[in-house]
Amino acid sequence: MKLIVRWFLLAAALLLVANVYSGVTVHSFPSALIAAFVLGLFNTLVRPLLVLLTFPVTVLTLGLFLFVINALMFWAAASLLAGFNVTGFGAALLGSLIYSACGLVIDAAMERVFERQV
């Protein structure tokens, strides 16, 4: 149940990003659901490999290169999906930052709502 609620909230966060920032467009809530799913897959499967391959650059930039990796994941998802568009790399960078901030808020709220009772 927690996974489905998080998925719906992240899709809503993607719609919020599209409403707040004009460089990102999402055509409908079903498109946002698919985009949130694809972003989750990319972040689970592709991102760890990219982080490992770019580790020296990440160390040299004191971790700032991770923002570039997040933007690449955001941009790649937008390039694959029809209902989710990003105008360029700068838009992907800003959109991924807003989306990540929303994800942090959602995760904090989910921890409070779905607290484990011992």
Protein backbone atom coordinates (compact mmCIF):
# COMPACT_ATOMS: atom_id res chain seq x y z
CA MET A 1 0.00 0.00 0.00
CA LYS A 2 2.83 2.36 0.90
CA LEU A 3 4.46 1.87 -2.52
CA ILE A 4 1.26 2.70 -4.41
CA VAL A 5 0.61 5.82 -2.31
CA ARG A 6 4.20 6.97 -2.87
CA TRP A 7 3.86 6.36 -6.61
CA PHE A 8 0.68 8.45 -6.81
CA LEU A 9 2.25 11.23 -4.74
CA LEU A 10 5.37 11.30 -6.93
CA ALA A 11 3.13 11.51 -10.01
CA ALA A 12 1.36 14.46 -8.39
CA ALA A 13 4.78 15.98 -7.65
CA LEU A 14 5.65 15.65 -11.32
CA LEU A 15 2.47 17.55 -12.18
CA LEU A 16 3.49 20.18 -9.63
CA VAL A 17 6.90 20.51 -11.32
CA ALA A 18 5.14 21.00 -14.66
CA ASN A 19 2.89 23.70 -13.17
CA VAL A 20 5.69 25.53 -11.35
CA TYR A 21 8.31 25.40 -14.11
CA SER A 22 7.51 25.99 -17.77
CA GLY A 23 10.46 23.92 -19.06
CA VAL A 24 8.72 20.70 -18.02
CA THR A 25 5.33 19.64 -19.38
CA VAL A 26 3.14 16.70 -18.40
CA HIS A 27 -0.01 16.22 -20.43
CA SER A 28 -2.20 14.32 -17.94
CA PHE A 29 -2.20 12.44 -14.65
CA PRO A 30 -1.89 9.04 -16.38
CA SER A 31 1.16 10.42 -18.22
CA ALA A 32 2.55 11.55 -14.86
CA LEU A 33 1.97 8.07 -13.41
CA ILE A 34 3.88 6.46 -16.27
CA ALA A 35 6.65 9.07 -16.03
CA ALA A 36 6.99 8.57 -12.26
CA PHE A 37 7.21 4.82 -12.85
CA VAL A 38 9.89 5.20 -15.54
CA LEU A 39 11.84 7.66 -13.38
CA GLY A 40 11.71 5.16 -10.54
CA LEU A 41 12.98 2.40 -12.82
CA PHE A 42 15.81 4.58 -14.14
CA ASN A 43 16.80 5.65 -10.63
CA THR A 44 16.77 2.03 -9.46
CA LEU A 45 18.49 0.35 -12.41
CA VAL A 46 20.56 2.89 -14.38
CA ARG A 47 21.53 5.53 -11.82
CA PRO A 48 23.70 3.24 -9.63
CA LEU A 49 25.70 2.20 -12.68
CA LEU A 50 26.21 5.83 -13.74
CA VAL A 51 27.21 6.81 -10.21
CA LEU A 52 29.78 4.00 -10.15
CA LEU A 53 31.19 4.88 -13.58
CA THR A 54 31.44 8.59 -12.82
CA PHE A 55 32.77 8.21 -9.28
CA PRO A 56 36.10 9.98 -9.96
CA VAL A 57 34.30 12.99 -11.47
CA THR A 58 31.86 13.01 -8.57
CA VAL A 59 34.72 13.08 -6.07
CA LEU A 60 36.50 15.87 -7.96
CA THR A 61 33.33 17.98 -8.00
CA LEU A 62 32.59 17.21 -4.34
CA GLY A 63 29.37 15.43 -5.24
CA LEU A 64 27.92 18.12 -7.49
CA PHE A 65 28.10 15.81 -10.51
CA LEU A 66 25.24 13.81 -8.93
CA PHE A 67 22.96 16.70 -9.93
CA VAL A 68 24.02 16.12 -13.54
CA ILE A 69 23.22 12.40 -13.23
CA ASN A 70 19.78 13.21 -11.81
CA ALA A 71 19.15 15.62 -14.67
CA LEU A 72 20.22 12.98 -17.20
CA MET A 73 17.76 10.48 -15.69
CA PHE A 74 14.99 13.10 -15.83
CA TRP A 75 15.86 14.02 -19.41
CA ALA A 76 16.12 10.39 -20.53
CA ALA A 77 12.69 9.59 -19.11
CA ALA A 78 11.22 12.60 -20.90
CA SER A 79 12.80 11.58 -24.18
CA LEU A 80 11.24 8.11 -24.00
CA LEU A 81 7.70 9.12 -23.06
CA ALA A 82 5.14 10.90 -25.19
CA GLY A 83 3.19 12.72 -22.45
CA PHE A 84 6.25 14.02 -20.57
CA ASN A 85 8.48 16.66 -22.17
CA VAL A 86 11.56 18.61 -21.06
CA THR A 87 12.82 21.48 -23.22
CA GLY A 88 16.55 20.94 -22.64
CA PHE A 89 19.28 19.97 -20.21
CA GLY A 90 18.88 23.13 -18.12
CA ALA A 91 15.17 22.44 -17.79
CA ALA A 92 15.96 18.84 -16.85
CA LEU A 93 18.39 20.03 -14.18
CA LEU A 94 15.94 22.47 -12.61
CA GLY A 95 13.02 20.07 -13.00
CA SER A 96 14.94 17.24 -11.37
CA LEU A 97 15.91 19.50 -8.46
CA ILE A 98 12.29 20.48 -7.85
CA TYR A 99 11.14 16.87 -8.27
CA SER A 100 13.82 15.65 -5.83
CA ALA A 101 12.80 18.26 -3.26
CA CYS A 102 9.18 17.12 -3.59
CA GLY A 103 10.36 13.52 -3.21
CA LEU A 104 12.14 14.38 0.04
CA VAL A 105 8.98 15.98 1.43
CA ILE A 106 6.89 13.00 0.31
CA ASP A 107 9.30 10.52 1.92
CA ALA A 108 9.29 12.45 5.20
CA ALA A 109 5.49 12.58 5.20
CA MET A 110 5.25 8.88 4.35
CA GLU A 111 7.47 8.01 7.31
CA ARG A 112 5.12 9.86 9.63
CA VAL A 113 1.95 8.40 8.15
CA PHE A 114 3.18 4.82 7.85
CA GLU A 115 5.13 4.57 11.10
CA ARG A 116 5.93 1.04 12.13
CA GLN A 117 4.41 0.10 15.43
CA VAL A 118 6.40 -2.33 17.55
